[in-house]
Amino acid sequence: MNTSERTARALLRVQRASIEEAEAVERLRQSVTRAVRSGASWAQIATHLGVTERAARRRFGSPPAPEDQTTLF
């Protein structure tokens, strides 16, 4: 195998890993959403993620729905 073939294979591995990472991030987001909907607290979710509750909320919490937001005017 020559250098250009090794490089091409290495770049394909990079691409594959990038796709797998994106898929894993999406699976994690969906899992957290399901956990919240099933009644899990942010503290419980944070414990299972190995982060603080604040970090879990920042990463996975969604902004409030427009009807839940306080208006200034």
N, C-alpha and C. Protein backbone atom coordinates (compact mmCIF):
# COMPACT_ATOMS: atom_id res chain seq x y z
N MET A 1 0.85 -1.17 0.00
CA MET A 1 0.00 0.00 0.00
C MET A 1 0.90 1.24 0.00
N ASN A 2 0.62 2.15 -0.92
CA ASN A 2 1.45 3.34 -0.99
C ASN A 2 0.92 4.44 -0.06
N THR A 3 1.66 5.53 -0.03
CA THR A 3 1.32 6.62 0.88
C THR A 3 -0.05 7.21 0.59
N SER A 4 -0.39 7.42 -0.66
CA SER A 4 -1.69 8.02 -0.98
C SER A 4 -2.84 7.10 -0.59
N GLU A 5 -2.66 5.78 -0.71
CA GLU A 5 -3.70 4.85 -0.27
C GLU A 5 -3.85 4.88 1.24
N ARG A 6 -2.74 4.95 1.97
CA ARG A 6 -2.79 5.03 3.43
C ARG A 6 -3.49 6.32 3.86
N THR A 7 -3.16 7.39 3.18
CA THR A 7 -3.79 8.68 3.50
C THR A 7 -5.29 8.62 3.24
N ALA A 8 -5.67 8.06 2.10
CA ALA A 8 -7.10 7.95 1.76
C ALA A 8 -7.83 7.11 2.80
N ARG A 9 -7.24 6.00 3.22
CA ARG A 9 -7.87 5.17 4.25
C ARG A 9 -7.97 5.89 5.58
N ALA A 10 -6.91 6.60 5.92
CA ALA A 10 -6.92 7.36 7.17
C ALA A 10 -8.00 8.43 7.15
N LEU A 11 -8.16 9.09 6.02
CA LEU A 11 -9.18 10.13 5.91
C LEU A 11 -10.59 9.53 5.95
N LEU A 12 -10.77 8.36 5.38
CA LEU A 12 -12.06 7.68 5.48
C LEU A 12 -12.38 7.33 6.92
N ARG A 13 -11.36 6.92 7.69
CA ARG A 13 -11.57 6.63 9.11
C ARG A 13 -11.96 7.89 9.87
N VAL A 14 -11.35 9.01 9.52
CA VAL A 14 -11.69 10.28 10.15
C VAL A 14 -13.15 10.62 9.86
N GLN A 15 -13.53 10.48 8.59
CA GLN A 15 -14.91 10.76 8.20
C GLN A 15 -15.89 9.84 8.92
N ARG A 16 -15.60 8.56 8.97
CA ARG A 16 -16.47 7.59 9.64
C ARG A 16 -16.59 7.93 11.13
N ALA A 17 -15.48 8.27 11.76
CA ALA A 17 -15.52 8.61 13.18
C ALA A 17 -16.34 9.87 13.42
N SER A 18 -16.25 10.82 12.52
CA SER A 18 -17.03 12.05 12.65
C SER A 18 -18.52 11.76 12.55
N ILE A 19 -18.90 10.92 11.62
CA ILE A 19 -20.30 10.53 11.47
C ILE A 19 -20.78 9.79 12.71
N GLU A 20 -19.97 8.86 13.21
CA GLU A 20 -20.34 8.10 14.41
C GLU A 20 -20.49 9.03 15.61
N GLU A 21 -19.63 10.02 15.72
CA GLU A 21 -19.73 10.97 16.82
C GLU A 21 -21.04 11.75 16.74
N ALA A 22 -21.38 12.24 15.56
CA ALA A 22 -22.63 12.99 15.39
C ALA A 22 -23.84 12.12 15.73
N GLU A 23 -23.80 10.87 15.32
CA GLU A 23 -24.90 9.95 15.64
C GLU A 23 -24.99 9.69 17.14
N ALA A 24 -23.85 9.55 17.80
CA ALA A 24 -23.84 9.33 19.24
C ALA A 24 -24.37 10.54 19.99
N VAL A 25 -24.00 11.73 19.55
CA VAL A 25 -24.49 12.95 20.18
C VAL A 25 -26.00 13.03 20.05
N GLU A 26 -26.53 12.70 18.89
CA GLU A 26 -27.98 12.72 18.67
C GLU A 26 -28.68 11.67 19.54
N ARG A 27 -28.10 10.46 19.65
CA ARG A 27 -28.69 9.43 20.51
C ARG A 27 -28.71 9.89 21.97
N LEU A 28 -27.64 10.53 22.40
CA LEU A 28 -27.57 11.02 23.77
C LEU A 28 -28.63 12.10 24.00
N ARG A 29 -28.77 13.03 23.07
CA ARG A 29 -29.78 14.08 23.19
C ARG A 29 -31.18 13.47 23.29
N GLN A 30 -31.46 12.51 22.45
CA GLN A 30 -32.77 11.85 22.47
C GLN A 30 -32.99 11.10 23.78
N SER A 31 -31.95 10.46 24.28
CA SER A 31 -32.05 9.72 25.54
C SER A 31 -32.35 10.65 26.71
N VAL A 32 -31.68 11.78 26.73
CA VAL A 32 -31.92 12.76 27.80
C VAL A 32 -33.35 13.29 27.70
N THR A 33 -33.79 13.59 26.49
CA THR A 33 -35.17 14.07 26.30
C THR A 33 -36.17 13.05 26.81
N ARG A 34 -35.96 11.77 26.47
CA ARG A 34 -36.87 10.72 26.94
C ARG A 34 -36.84 10.61 28.46
N ALA A 35 -35.65 10.73 29.05
CA ALA A 35 -35.53 10.65 30.51
C ALA A 35 -36.29 11.78 31.18
N VAL A 36 -36.15 12.98 30.65
CA VAL A 36 -36.87 14.13 31.21
C VAL A 36 -38.38 13.91 31.10
N ARG A 37 -38.82 13.48 29.93
CA ARG A 37 -40.25 13.26 29.72
C ARG A 37 -40.80 12.14 30.60
N SER A 38 -39.95 11.19 30.97
CA SER A 38 -40.41 10.08 31.81
C SER A 38 -40.37 10.43 33.30
N GLY A 39 -39.89 11.64 33.61
CA GLY A 39 -39.92 12.08 35.00
C GLY A 39 -38.59 12.15 35.70
N ALA A 40 -37.52 11.85 35.02
CA ALA A 40 -36.20 11.93 35.65
C ALA A 40 -35.86 13.39 35.96
N SER A 41 -35.23 13.61 37.08
CA SER A 41 -34.82 14.97 37.44
C SER A 41 -33.49 15.29 36.75
N TRP A 42 -33.23 16.59 36.65
CA TRP A 42 -31.95 17.00 36.07
C TRP A 42 -30.79 16.53 36.95
N ALA A 43 -31.00 16.43 38.24
CA ALA A 43 -29.95 15.93 39.13
C ALA A 43 -29.63 14.47 38.81
N GLN A 44 -30.67 13.67 38.58
CA GLN A 44 -30.45 12.26 38.23
C GLN A 44 -29.74 12.14 36.88
N ILE A 45 -30.19 12.91 35.93
CA ILE A 45 -29.57 12.87 34.60
C ILE A 45 -28.11 13.29 34.71
N ALA A 46 -27.86 14.36 35.45
CA ALA A 46 -26.49 14.84 35.62
C ALA A 46 -25.58 13.78 36.24
N THR A 47 -26.11 13.08 37.24
CA THR A 47 -25.34 12.01 37.88
C THR A 47 -24.93 10.95 36.86
N HIS A 48 -25.86 10.57 36.00
CA HIS A 48 -25.58 9.53 35.02
C HIS A 48 -24.67 10.02 33.89
N LEU A 49 -24.63 11.32 33.68
CA LEU A 49 -23.72 11.88 32.68
C LEU A 49 -22.34 12.18 33.27
N GLY A 50 -22.27 12.22 34.60
CA GLY A 50 -21.00 12.54 35.25
C GLY A 50 -20.67 14.02 35.20
N VAL A 51 -21.73 14.84 35.20
CA VAL A 51 -21.55 16.29 35.17
C VAL A 51 -22.43 16.91 36.25
N THR A 52 -22.32 18.20 36.42
CA THR A 52 -23.18 18.88 37.38
C THR A 52 -24.58 19.05 36.78
N GLU A 53 -25.54 19.29 37.66
CA GLU A 53 -26.91 19.53 37.19
C GLU A 53 -26.94 20.75 36.27
N ARG A 54 -26.22 21.76 36.64
CA ARG A 54 -26.18 22.98 35.81
C ARG A 54 -25.63 22.68 34.42
N ALA A 55 -24.57 21.89 34.36
CA ALA A 55 -23.98 21.54 33.06
C ALA A 55 -24.96 20.73 32.21
N ALA A 56 -25.68 19.81 32.85
CA ALA A 56 -26.65 19.00 32.11
C ALA A 56 -27.77 19.88 31.56
N ARG A 57 -28.26 20.78 32.38
CA ARG A 57 -29.32 21.69 31.93
C ARG A 57 -28.84 22.58 30.79
N ARG A 58 -27.63 23.08 30.92
CA ARG A 58 -27.09 23.95 29.86
C ARG A 58 -26.95 23.20 28.54
N ARG A 59 -26.47 21.98 28.64
CA ARG A 59 -26.21 21.22 27.41
C ARG A 59 -27.48 20.68 26.77
N PHE A 60 -28.42 20.22 27.60
CA PHE A 60 -29.57 19.50 27.05
C PHE A 60 -30.91 20.18 27.29
N GLY A 61 -30.94 21.16 28.18
CA GLY A 61 -32.20 21.83 28.45
C GLY A 61 -32.63 22.66 27.25
N SER A 62 -33.91 22.71 27.03
CA SER A 62 -34.39 23.51 25.92
C SER A 62 -34.93 24.83 26.46
N PRO A 63 -34.92 25.87 25.63
CA PRO A 63 -35.47 27.14 26.11
C PRO A 63 -36.97 26.99 26.34
N PRO A 64 -37.52 27.79 27.21
CA PRO A 64 -38.95 27.68 27.48
C PRO A 64 -39.78 27.97 26.23
N ALA A 65 -40.94 27.36 26.16
CA ALA A 65 -41.84 27.62 25.04
C ALA A 65 -42.25 29.09 25.08
N PRO A 66 -42.57 29.68 23.93
CA PRO A 66 -42.92 31.11 23.91
C PRO A 66 -44.01 31.49 24.89
N GLU A 67 -45.01 30.62 25.09
CA GLU A 67 -46.08 30.96 26.03
C GLU A 67 -45.62 30.92 27.48
N ASP A 68 -44.45 30.30 27.75
CA ASP A 68 -43.92 30.23 29.11
C ASP A 68 -42.96 31.39 29.41
N GLN A 69 -42.58 32.14 28.40
CA GLN A 69 -41.63 33.21 28.57
C GLN A 69 -42.33 34.47 29.09
N THR A 70 -41.63 35.16 29.96
CA THR A 70 -42.15 36.42 30.48
C THR A 70 -41.88 37.51 29.47
N THR A 71 -42.88 38.31 29.19
CA THR A 71 -42.68 39.39 28.24
C THR A 71 -42.35 40.67 29.01
N LEU A 72 -41.57 41.51 28.38
CA LEU A 72 -41.17 42.76 29.02
C LEU A 72 -42.16 43.88 28.72
N PHE A 73 -42.97 43.73 27.70
CA PHE A 73 -43.91 44.80 27.32
C PHE A 73 -45.30 44.25 27.21
